[in-house]
Each structure stands twice: as structure tokens, then as C-alpha cells.
Amino acid sequence: QNTGIVIQRSTIGATSDLQAVQANFSS
């Protein structure tokens, strides 16, 4: 299958609600 997910030239981060408790959750 010629399928897949490609993420290019983007940003991967956290929303503000996660940033406040980021140490308690793994991503």
C-alpha cells in the first residue's frame, strides 16, 4: 500500500491546557 502520514515543515506542540500540566502526561 502506497499510504502513510507525512508531517513536513510543521510545528508539534501543546495546547495551553496541556502545557500547564505537561509533566503529568506523556505525548
mmCIF file of all heavy atoms, coordinates in Angstrom:
data_MODEL
# 
_entry.id   MODEL 
# 
loop_
_atom_site.group_PDB 
_atom_site.id 
_atom_site.type_symbol 
_atom_site.label_atom_id 
_atom_site.label_alt_id 
_atom_site.label_comp_id 
_atom_site.label_asym_id 
_atom_site.label_entity_id 
_atom_site.label_seq_id 
_atom_site.pdbx_PDB_ins_code 
_atom_site.Cartn_x 
_atom_site.Cartn_y 
_atom_site.Cartn_z 
_atom_site.occupancy 
_atom_site.B_iso_or_equiv 
_atom_site.pdbx_formal_charge 
_atom_site.auth_seq_id 
_atom_site.auth_comp_id 
_atom_site.auth_asym_id 
_atom_site.auth_atom_id 
_atom_site.pdbx_PDB_model_num 
ATOM 1   N N   . GLN A 1 1  ? 0.843  -1.198 0.000  1.00 0.00 ? 1  GLN A N   1 
ATOM 2   C CA  . GLN A 1 1  ? 0.000  0.000  0.000  1.00 0.00 ? 1  GLN A CA  1 
ATOM 3   C C   . GLN A 1 1  ? 0.878  1.248  0.000  1.00 0.00 ? 1  GLN A C   1 
ATOM 4   O O   . GLN A 1 1  ? 1.816  1.357  0.788  1.00 0.00 ? 1  GLN A O   1 
ATOM 5   C CB  . GLN A 1 1  ? -0.917 -0.006 1.225  1.00 0.00 ? 1  GLN A CB  1 
ATOM 6   C CG  . GLN A 1 1  ? -1.957 -1.109 1.207  1.00 0.00 ? 1  GLN A CG  1 
ATOM 7   C CD  . GLN A 1 1  ? -2.719 -1.218 2.517  1.00 0.00 ? 1  GLN A CD  1 
ATOM 8   O OE1 . GLN A 1 1  ? -2.276 -0.739 3.559  1.00 0.00 ? 1  GLN A OE1 1 
ATOM 9   N NE2 . GLN A 1 1  ? -3.864 -1.871 2.471  1.00 0.00 ? 1  GLN A NE2 1 
ATOM 10  N N   . ASN A 1 2  ? 0.555  2.183  -0.905 1.00 0.00 ? 2  ASN A N   1 
ATOM 11  C CA  . ASN A 1 2  ? 1.375  3.399  -1.015 1.00 0.00 ? 2  ASN A CA  1 
ATOM 12  C C   . ASN A 1 2  ? 0.812  4.500  -0.123 1.00 0.00 ? 2  ASN A C   1 
ATOM 13  O O   . ASN A 1 2  ? 0.571  5.625  -0.556 1.00 0.00 ? 2  ASN A O   1 
ATOM 14  C CB  . ASN A 1 2  ? 1.450  3.864  -2.474 1.00 0.00 ? 2  ASN A CB  1 
ATOM 15  C CG  . ASN A 1 2  ? 0.079  4.106  -3.086 1.00 0.00 ? 2  ASN A CG  1 
ATOM 16  O OD1 . ASN A 1 2  ? -0.938 3.825  -2.462 1.00 0.00 ? 2  ASN A OD1 1 
ATOM 17  N ND2 . ASN A 1 2  ? 0.054  4.642  -4.294 1.00 0.00 ? 2  ASN A ND2 1 
ATOM 18  N N   . THR A 1 3  ? 0.611  4.161  1.144  1.00 0.00 ? 3  THR A N   1 
ATOM 19  C CA  . THR A 1 3  ? -0.024 5.057  2.100  1.00 0.00 ? 3  THR A CA  1 
ATOM 20  C C   . THR A 1 3  ? 0.933  5.420  3.226  1.00 0.00 ? 3  THR A C   1 
ATOM 21  O O   . THR A 1 3  ? 1.971  4.795  3.420  1.00 0.00 ? 3  THR A O   1 
ATOM 22  C CB  . THR A 1 3  ? -1.279 4.391  2.688  1.00 0.00 ? 3  THR A CB  1 
ATOM 23  O OG1 . THR A 1 3  ? -0.904 3.109  3.240  1.00 0.00 ? 3  THR A OG1 1 
ATOM 24  C CG2 . THR A 1 3  ? -2.343 4.170  1.611  1.00 0.00 ? 3  THR A CG2 1 
ATOM 25  N N   . GLY A 1 4  ? 0.549  6.425  3.985  1.00 0.00 ? 4  GLY A N   1 
ATOM 26  C CA  . GLY A 1 4  ? 1.342  6.864  5.114  1.00 0.00 ? 4  GLY A CA  1 
ATOM 27  C C   . GLY A 1 4  ? 0.948  8.273  5.510  1.00 0.00 ? 4  GLY A C   1 
ATOM 28  O O   . GLY A 1 4  ? 0.228  8.955  4.787  1.00 0.00 ? 4  GLY A O   1 
ATOM 29  N N   . ILE A 1 5  ? 1.413  8.688  6.669  1.00 0.00 ? 5  ILE A N   1 
ATOM 30  C CA  . ILE A 1 5  ? 1.211  10.061 7.144  1.00 0.00 ? 5  ILE A CA  1 
ATOM 31  C C   . ILE A 1 5  ? 2.566  10.751 7.146  1.00 0.00 ? 5  ILE A C   1 
ATOM 32  O O   . ILE A 1 5  ? 3.522  10.262 7.754  1.00 0.00 ? 5  ILE A O   1 
ATOM 33  C CB  . ILE A 1 5  ? 0.608  10.075 8.551  1.00 0.00 ? 5  ILE A CB  1 
ATOM 34  C CG1 . ILE A 1 5  ? -0.818 9.484  8.533  1.00 0.00 ? 5  ILE A CG1 1 
ATOM 35  C CG2 . ILE A 1 5  ? 0.580  11.496 9.116  1.00 0.00 ? 5  ILE A CG2 1 
ATOM 36  C CD1 . ILE A 1 5  ? -1.399 9.249  9.918  1.00 0.00 ? 5  ILE A CD1 1 
ATOM 37  N N   . VAL A 1 6  ? 2.641  11.881 6.450  1.00 0.00 ? 6  VAL A N   1 
ATOM 38  C CA  . VAL A 1 6  ? 3.863  12.680 6.400  1.00 0.00 ? 6  VAL A CA  1 
ATOM 39  C C   . VAL A 1 6  ? 3.577  14.051 7.003  1.00 0.00 ? 6  VAL A C   1 
ATOM 40  O O   . VAL A 1 6  ? 2.637  14.741 6.585  1.00 0.00 ? 6  VAL A O   1 
ATOM 41  C CB  . VAL A 1 6  ? 4.374  12.844 4.958  1.00 0.00 ? 6  VAL A CB  1 
ATOM 42  C CG1 . VAL A 1 6  ? 5.609  13.744 4.933  1.00 0.00 ? 6  VAL A CG1 1 
ATOM 43  C CG2 . VAL A 1 6  ? 4.681  11.482 4.335  1.00 0.00 ? 6  VAL A CG2 1 
ATOM 44  N N   . ILE A 1 7  ? 4.370  14.432 7.969  1.00 0.00 ? 7  ILE A N   1 
ATOM 45  C CA  . ILE A 1 7  ? 4.287  15.768 8.573  1.00 0.00 ? 7  ILE A CA  1 
ATOM 46  C C   . ILE A 1 7  ? 5.553  16.508 8.184  1.00 0.00 ? 7  ILE A C   1 
ATOM 47  O O   . ILE A 1 7  ? 6.666  16.092 8.534  1.00 0.00 ? 7  ILE A O   1 
ATOM 48  C CB  . ILE A 1 7  ? 4.147  15.666 10.099 1.00 0.00 ? 7  ILE A CB  1 
ATOM 49  C CG1 . ILE A 1 7  ? 2.852  14.927 10.471 1.00 0.00 ? 7  ILE A CG1 1 
ATOM 50  C CG2 . ILE A 1 7  ? 4.187  17.047 10.738 1.00 0.00 ? 7  ILE A CG2 1 
ATOM 51  C CD1 . ILE A 1 7  ? 2.724  14.597 11.947 1.00 0.00 ? 7  ILE A CD1 1 
ATOM 52  N N   . GLN A 1 8  ? 5.395  17.596 7.420  1.00 0.00 ? 8  GLN A N   1 
ATOM 53  C CA  . GLN A 1 8  ? 6.546  18.319 6.885  1.00 0.00 ? 8  GLN A CA  1 
ATOM 54  C C   . GLN A 1 8  ? 6.439  19.817 7.169  1.00 0.00 ? 8  GLN A C   1 
ATOM 55  O O   . GLN A 1 8  ? 5.366  20.413 7.038  1.00 0.00 ? 8  GLN A O   1 
ATOM 56  C CB  . GLN A 1 8  ? 6.647  18.110 5.371  1.00 0.00 ? 8  GLN A CB  1 
ATOM 57  C CG  . GLN A 1 8  ? 7.875  18.784 4.758  1.00 0.00 ? 8  GLN A CG  1 
ATOM 58  C CD  . GLN A 1 8  ? 7.846  18.838 3.245  1.00 0.00 ? 8  GLN A CD  1 
ATOM 59  O OE1 . GLN A 1 8  ? 6.781  18.745 2.639  1.00 0.00 ? 8  GLN A OE1 1 
ATOM 60  N NE2 . GLN A 1 8  ? 9.000  19.003 2.621  1.00 0.00 ? 8  GLN A NE2 1 
ATOM 61  N N   . ARG A 1 9  ? 7.564  20.409 7.554  1.00 0.00 ? 9  ARG A N   1 
ATOM 62  C CA  . ARG A 1 9  ? 7.664  21.864 7.758  1.00 0.00 ? 9  ARG A CA  1 
ATOM 63  C C   . ARG A 1 9  ? 6.582  22.392 8.696  1.00 0.00 ? 9  ARG A C   1 
ATOM 64  O O   . ARG A 1 9  ? 6.014  23.468 8.483  1.00 0.00 ? 9  ARG A O   1 
ATOM 65  C CB  . ARG A 1 9  ? 7.590  22.601 6.416  1.00 0.00 ? 9  ARG A CB  1 
ATOM 66  C CG  . ARG A 1 9  ? 8.715  22.272 5.437  1.00 0.00 ? 9  ARG A CG  1 
ATOM 67  C CD  . ARG A 1 9  ? 8.502  22.981 4.106  1.00 0.00 ? 9  ARG A CD  1 
ATOM 68  N NE  . ARG A 1 9  ? 9.553  22.690 3.157  1.00 0.00 ? 9  ARG A NE  1 
ATOM 69  C CZ  . ARG A 1 9  ? 10.641 23.431 2.953  1.00 0.00 ? 9  ARG A CZ  1 
ATOM 70  N NH1 . ARG A 1 9  ? 10.814 24.528 3.671  1.00 0.00 ? 9  ARG A NH1 1 
ATOM 71  N NH2 . ARG A 1 9  ? 11.541 23.076 2.052  1.00 0.00 ? 9  ARG A NH2 1 
ATOM 72  N N   . SER A 1 10 ? 6.267  21.618 9.709  1.00 0.00 ? 10 SER A N   1 
ATOM 73  C CA  . SER A 1 10 ? 5.181  21.958 10.620 1.00 0.00 ? 10 SER A CA  1 
ATOM 74  C C   . SER A 1 10 ? 5.719  22.216 12.024 1.00 0.00 ? 10 SER A C   1 
ATOM 75  O O   . SER A 1 10 ? 6.924  22.234 12.245 1.00 0.00 ? 10 SER A O   1 
ATOM 76  C CB  . SER A 1 10 ? 4.147  20.822 10.623 1.00 0.00 ? 10 SER A CB  1 
ATOM 77  O OG  . SER A 1 10 ? 3.548  20.679 9.353  1.00 0.00 ? 10 SER A OG  1 
ATOM 78  N N   . THR A 1 11 ? 4.820  22.411 12.972 1.00 0.00 ? 11 THR A N   1 
ATOM 79  C CA  . THR A 1 11 ? 5.185  22.504 14.380 1.00 0.00 ? 11 THR A CA  1 
ATOM 80  C C   . THR A 1 11 ? 4.345  21.497 15.160 1.00 0.00 ? 11 THR A C   1 
ATOM 81  O O   . THR A 1 11 ? 3.161  21.311 14.883 1.00 0.00 ? 11 THR A O   1 
ATOM 82  C CB  . THR A 1 11 ? 4.957  23.911 14.948 1.00 0.00 ? 11 THR A CB  1 
ATOM 83  O OG1 . THR A 1 11 ? 3.573  24.261 14.805 1.00 0.00 ? 11 THR A OG1 1 
ATOM 84  C CG2 . THR A 1 11 ? 5.802  24.941 14.220 1.00 0.00 ? 11 THR A CG2 1 
ATOM 85  N N   . ILE A 1 12 ? 4.975  20.845 16.119 1.00 0.00 ? 12 ILE A N   1 
ATOM 86  C CA  . ILE A 1 12 ? 4.282  19.922 17.004 1.00 0.00 ? 12 ILE A CA  1 
ATOM 87  C C   . ILE A 1 12 ? 4.496  20.420 18.423 1.00 0.00 ? 12 ILE A C   1 
ATOM 88  O O   . ILE A 1 12 ? 5.628  20.495 18.905 1.00 0.00 ? 12 ILE A O   1 
ATOM 89  C CB  . ILE A 1 12 ? 4.806  18.488 16.839 1.00 0.00 ? 12 ILE A CB  1 
ATOM 90  C CG1 . ILE A 1 12 ? 4.519  17.971 15.426 1.00 0.00 ? 12 ILE A CG1 1 
ATOM 91  C CG2 . ILE A 1 12 ? 4.170  17.567 17.876 1.00 0.00 ? 12 ILE A CG2 1 
ATOM 92  C CD1 . ILE A 1 12 ? 5.121  16.607 15.131 1.00 0.00 ? 12 ILE A CD1 1 
ATOM 93  N N   . GLY A 1 13 ? 3.401  20.775 19.069 1.00 0.00 ? 13 GLY A N   1 
ATOM 94  C CA  . GLY A 1 13 ? 3.495  21.346 20.410 1.00 0.00 ? 13 GLY A CA  1 
ATOM 95  C C   . GLY A 1 13 ? 2.312  20.959 21.265 1.00 0.00 ? 13 GLY A C   1 
ATOM 96  O O   . GLY A 1 13 ? 1.652  19.952 21.027 1.00 0.00 ? 13 GLY A O   1 
ATOM 97  N N   . ALA A 1 14 ? 2.031  21.775 22.284 1.00 0.00 ? 14 ALA A N   1 
ATOM 98  C CA  . ALA A 1 14 ? 0.958  21.509 23.233 1.00 0.00 ? 14 ALA A CA  1 
ATOM 99  C C   . ALA A 1 14 ? 0.023  22.702 23.307 1.00 0.00 ? 14 ALA A C   1 
ATOM 100 O O   . ALA A 1 14 ? 0.441  23.853 23.146 1.00 0.00 ? 14 ALA A O   1 
ATOM 101 C CB  . ALA A 1 14 ? 1.535  21.215 24.614 1.00 0.00 ? 14 ALA A CB  1 
ATOM 102 N N   . THR A 1 15 ? -1.242 22.422 23.541 1.00 0.00 ? 15 THR A N   1 
ATOM 103 C CA  . THR A 1 15 ? -2.193 23.489 23.819 1.00 0.00 ? 15 THR A CA  1 
ATOM 104 C C   . THR A 1 15 ? -1.936 24.015 25.230 1.00 0.00 ? 15 THR A C   1 
ATOM 105 O O   . THR A 1 15 ? -1.261 23.369 26.043 1.00 0.00 ? 15 THR A O   1 
ATOM 106 C CB  . THR A 1 15 ? -3.639 22.991 23.705 1.00 0.00 ? 15 THR A CB  1 
ATOM 107 O OG1 . THR A 1 15 ? -3.807 21.864 24.585 1.00 0.00 ? 15 THR A OG1 1 
ATOM 108 C CG2 . THR A 1 15 ? -3.963 22.572 22.275 1.00 0.00 ? 15 THR A CG2 1 
ATOM 109 N N   . SER A 1 16 ? -2.489 25.168 25.540 1.00 0.00 ? 16 SER A N   1 
ATOM 110 C CA  . SER A 1 16 ? -2.211 25.799 26.837 1.00 0.00 ? 16 SER A CA  1 
ATOM 111 C C   . SER A 1 16 ? -2.686 24.950 28.008 1.00 0.00 ? 16 SER A C   1 
ATOM 112 O O   . SER A 1 16 ? -2.044 24.921 29.065 1.00 0.00 ? 16 SER A O   1 
ATOM 113 C CB  . SER A 1 16 ? -2.856 27.188 26.891 1.00 0.00 ? 16 SER A CB  1 
ATOM 114 O OG  . SER A 1 16 ? -4.253 27.103 26.677 1.00 0.00 ? 16 SER A OG  1 
ATOM 115 N N   . ASP A 1 17 ? -3.795 24.213 27.834 1.00 0.00 ? 17 ASP A N   1 
ATOM 116 C CA  . ASP A 1 17 ? -4.283 23.393 28.946 1.00 0.00 ? 17 ASP A CA  1 
ATOM 117 C C   . ASP A 1 17 ? -3.340 22.236 29.249 1.00 0.00 ? 17 ASP A C   1 
ATOM 118 O O   . ASP A 1 17 ? -3.220 21.812 30.402 1.00 0.00 ? 17 ASP A O   1 
ATOM 119 C CB  . ASP A 1 17 ? -5.703 22.889 28.666 1.00 0.00 ? 17 ASP A CB  1 
ATOM 120 C CG  . ASP A 1 17 ? -5.801 21.949 27.476 1.00 0.00 ? 17 ASP A CG  1 
ATOM 121 O OD1 . ASP A 1 17 ? -4.974 22.080 26.550 1.00 0.00 ? 17 ASP A OD1 1 
ATOM 122 O OD2 . ASP A 1 17 ? -6.703 21.090 27.453 1.00 0.00 ? 17 ASP A OD2 1 
ATOM 123 N N   . LEU A 1 18 ? -2.662 21.723 28.243 1.00 0.00 ? 18 LEU A N   1 
ATOM 124 C CA  . LEU A 1 18 ? -1.676 20.666 28.472 1.00 0.00 ? 18 LEU A CA  1 
ATOM 125 C C   . LEU A 1 18 ? -0.369 21.245 28.990 1.00 0.00 ? 18 LEU A C   1 
ATOM 126 O O   . LEU A 1 18 ? 0.277  20.638 29.868 1.00 0.00 ? 18 LEU A O   1 
ATOM 127 C CB  . LEU A 1 18 ? -1.432 19.868 27.186 1.00 0.00 ? 18 LEU A CB  1 
ATOM 128 C CG  . LEU A 1 18 ? -0.370 18.763 27.283 1.00 0.00 ? 18 LEU A CG  1 
ATOM 129 C CD1 . LEU A 1 18 ? -0.717 17.745 28.369 1.00 0.00 ? 18 LEU A CD1 1 
ATOM 130 C CD2 . LEU A 1 18 ? -0.192 18.072 25.943 1.00 0.00 ? 18 LEU A CD2 1 
ATOM 131 N N   . GLN A 1 19 ? 0.047  22.386 28.492 1.00 0.00 ? 19 GLN A N   1 
ATOM 132 C CA  . GLN A 1 19 ? 1.303  22.985 28.933 1.00 0.00 ? 19 GLN A CA  1 
ATOM 133 C C   . GLN A 1 19 ? 1.339  23.158 30.444 1.00 0.00 ? 19 GLN A C   1 
ATOM 134 O O   . GLN A 1 19 ? 2.372  22.961 31.079 1.00 0.00 ? 19 GLN A O   1 
ATOM 135 C CB  . GLN A 1 19 ? 1.506  24.334 28.248 1.00 0.00 ? 19 GLN A CB  1 
ATOM 136 C CG  . GLN A 1 19 ? 1.895  24.237 26.786 1.00 0.00 ? 19 GLN A CG  1 
ATOM 137 C CD  . GLN A 1 19 ? 1.995  25.583 26.114 1.00 0.00 ? 19 GLN A CD  1 
ATOM 138 O OE1 . GLN A 1 19 ? 1.478  26.589 26.619 1.00 0.00 ? 19 GLN A OE1 1 
ATOM 139 N NE2 . GLN A 1 19 ? 2.643  25.629 24.970 1.00 0.00 ? 19 GLN A NE2 1 
ATOM 140 N N   . ALA A 1 20 ? 0.202  23.491 31.021 1.00 0.00 ? 20 ALA A N   1 
ATOM 141 C CA  . ALA A 1 20 ? 0.141  23.749 32.458 1.00 0.00 ? 20 ALA A CA  1 
ATOM 142 C C   . ALA A 1 20 ? 0.387  22.504 33.293 1.00 0.00 ? 20 ALA A C   1 
ATOM 143 O O   . ALA A 1 20 ? 0.795  22.594 34.460 1.00 0.00 ? 20 ALA A O   1 
ATOM 144 C CB  . ALA A 1 20 ? -1.221 24.350 32.811 1.00 0.00 ? 20 ALA A CB  1 
ATOM 145 N N   . VAL A 1 21 ? 0.145  21.323 32.713 1.00 0.00 ? 21 VAL A N   1 
ATOM 146 C CA  . VAL A 1 21 ? 0.291  20.056 33.459 1.00 0.00 ? 21 VAL A CA  1 
ATOM 147 C C   . VAL A 1 21 ? 1.116  19.052 32.666 1.00 0.00 ? 21 VAL A C   1 
ATOM 148 O O   . VAL A 1 21 ? 0.982  17.838 32.847 1.00 0.00 ? 21 VAL A O   1 
ATOM 149 C CB  . VAL A 1 21 ? -1.102 19.465 33.792 1.00 0.00 ? 21 VAL A CB  1 
ATOM 150 C CG1 . VAL A 1 21 ? -1.832 20.329 34.800 1.00 0.00 ? 21 VAL A CG1 1 
ATOM 151 C CG2 . VAL A 1 21 ? -1.938 19.285 32.529 1.00 0.00 ? 21 VAL A CG2 1 
ATOM 152 N N   . GLN A 1 22 ? 1.979  19.542 31.825 1.00 0.00 ? 22 GLN A N   1 
ATOM 153 C CA  . GLN A 1 22 ? 2.685  18.687 30.866 1.00 0.00 ? 22 GLN A CA  1 
ATOM 154 C C   . GLN A 1 22 ? 3.481  17.581 31.540 1.00 0.00 ? 22 GLN A C   1 
ATOM 155 O O   . GLN A 1 22 ? 3.602  16.473 31.003 1.00 0.00 ? 22 GLN A O   1 
ATOM 156 C CB  . GLN A 1 22 ? 3.610  19.565 30.017 1.00 0.00 ? 22 GLN A CB  1 
ATOM 157 C CG  . GLN A 1 22 ? 4.217  18.871 28.825 1.00 0.00 ? 22 GLN A CG  1 
ATOM 158 C CD  . GLN A 1 22 ? 4.906  19.865 27.901 1.00 0.00 ? 22 GLN A CD  1 
ATOM 159 O OE1 . GLN A 1 22 ? 4.266  20.763 27.352 1.00 0.00 ? 22 GLN A OE1 1 
ATOM 160 N NE2 . GLN A 1 22 ? 6.209  19.737 27.753 1.00 0.00 ? 22 GLN A NE2 1 
ATOM 161 N N   . ALA A 1 23 ? 3.991  17.842 32.735 1.00 0.00 ? 23 ALA A N   1 
ATOM 162 C CA  . ALA A 1 23 ? 4.792  16.839 33.435 1.00 0.00 ? 23 ALA A CA  1 
ATOM 163 C C   . ALA A 1 23 ? 3.966  15.617 33.841 1.00 0.00 ? 23 ALA A C   1 
ATOM 164 O O   . ALA A 1 23 ? 4.534  14.546 34.121 1.00 0.00 ? 23 ALA A O   1 
ATOM 165 C CB  . ALA A 1 23 ? 5.436  17.464 34.671 1.00 0.00 ? 23 ALA A CB  1 
ATOM 166 N N   . ASN A 1 24 ? 2.660  15.735 33.835 1.00 0.00 ? 24 ASN A N   1 
ATOM 167 C CA  . ASN A 1 24 ? 1.790  14.640 34.280 1.00 0.00 ? 24 ASN A CA  1 
ATOM 168 C C   . ASN A 1 24 ? 1.312  13.739 33.145 1.00 0.00 ? 24 ASN A C   1 
ATOM 169 O O   . ASN A 1 24 ? 0.647  12.722 33.404 1.00 0.00 ? 24 ASN A O   1 
ATOM 170 C CB  . ASN A 1 24 ? 0.571  15.205 35.007 1.00 0.00 ? 24 ASN A CB  1 
ATOM 171 C CG  . ASN A 1 24 ? 0.939  16.008 36.233 1.00 0.00 ? 24 ASN A CG  1 
ATOM 172 O OD1 . ASN A 1 24 ? 1.886  15.675 36.941 1.00 0.00 ? 24 ASN A OD1 1 
ATOM 173 N ND2 . ASN A 1 24 ? 0.214  17.084 36.480 1.00 0.00 ? 24 ASN A ND2 1 
ATOM 174 N N   . PHE A 1 25 ? 1.613  14.105 31.907 1.00 0.00 ? 25 PHE A N   1 
ATOM 175 C CA  . PHE A 1 25 ? 1.124  13.344 30.762 1.00 0.00 ? 25 PHE A CA  1 
ATOM 176 C C   . PHE A 1 25 ? 2.248  13.160 29.751 1.00 0.00 ? 25 PHE A C   1 
ATOM 177 O O   . PHE A 1 25 ? 3.025  14.080 29.493 1.00 0.00 ? 25 PHE A O   1 
ATOM 178 C CB  . PHE A 1 25 ? -0.047 14.071 30.079 1.00 0.00 ? 25 PHE A CB  1 
ATOM 179 C CG  . PHE A 1 25 ? -1.246 14.248 30.961 1.00 0.00 ? 25 PHE A CG  1 
ATOM 180 C CD1 . PHE A 1 25 ? -1.428 15.430 31.672 1.00 0.00 ? 25 PHE A CD1 1 
ATOM 181 C CD2 . PHE A 1 25 ? -2.184 13.238 31.092 1.00 0.00 ? 25 PHE A CD2 1 
ATOM 182 C CE1 . PHE A 1 25 ? -2.532 15.601 32.497 1.00 0.00 ? 25 PHE A CE1 1 
ATOM 183 C CE2 . PHE A 1 25 ? -3.292 13.396 31.903 1.00 0.00 ? 25 PHE A CE2 1 
ATOM 184 C CZ  . PHE A 1 25 ? -3.469 14.581 32.614 1.00 0.00 ? 25 PHE A CZ  1 
ATOM 185 N N   . SER A 1 26 ? 2.319  11.980 29.160 1.00 0.00 ? 26 SER A N   1 
ATOM 186 C CA  . SER A 1 26 ? 3.325  11.706 28.134 1.00 0.00 ? 26 SER A CA  1 
ATOM 187 C C   . SER A 1 26 ? 2.694  11.829 26.758 1.00 0.00 ? 26 SER A C   1 
ATOM 188 O O   . SER A 1 26 ? 1.562  11.393 26.539 1.00 0.00 ? 26 SER A O   1 
ATOM 189 C CB  . SER A 1 26 ? 3.898  10.294 28.307 1.00 0.00 ? 26 SER A CB  1 
ATOM 190 O OG  . SER A 1 26 ? 4.598  10.186 29.531 1.00 0.00 ? 26 SER A OG  1 
ATOM 191 N N   . SER A 1 27 ? 3.433  12.408 25.828 1.00 0.00 ? 27 SER A N   1 
ATOM 192 C CA  . SER A 1 27 ? 2.972  12.564 24.448 1.00 0.00 ? 27 SER A CA  1 
ATOM 193 C C   . SER A 1 27 ? 4.032  11.996 23.508 1.00 0.00 ? 27 SER A C   1 
ATOM 194 O O   . SER A 1 27 ? 5.235  12.162 23.746 1.00 0.00 ? 27 SER A O   1 
ATOM 195 C CB  . SER A 1 27 ? 2.717  14.036 24.120 1.00 0.00 ? 27 SER A CB  1 
ATOM 196 O OG  . SER A 1 27 ? 1.712  14.583 24.956 1.00 0.00 ? 27 SER A OG  1 
# 
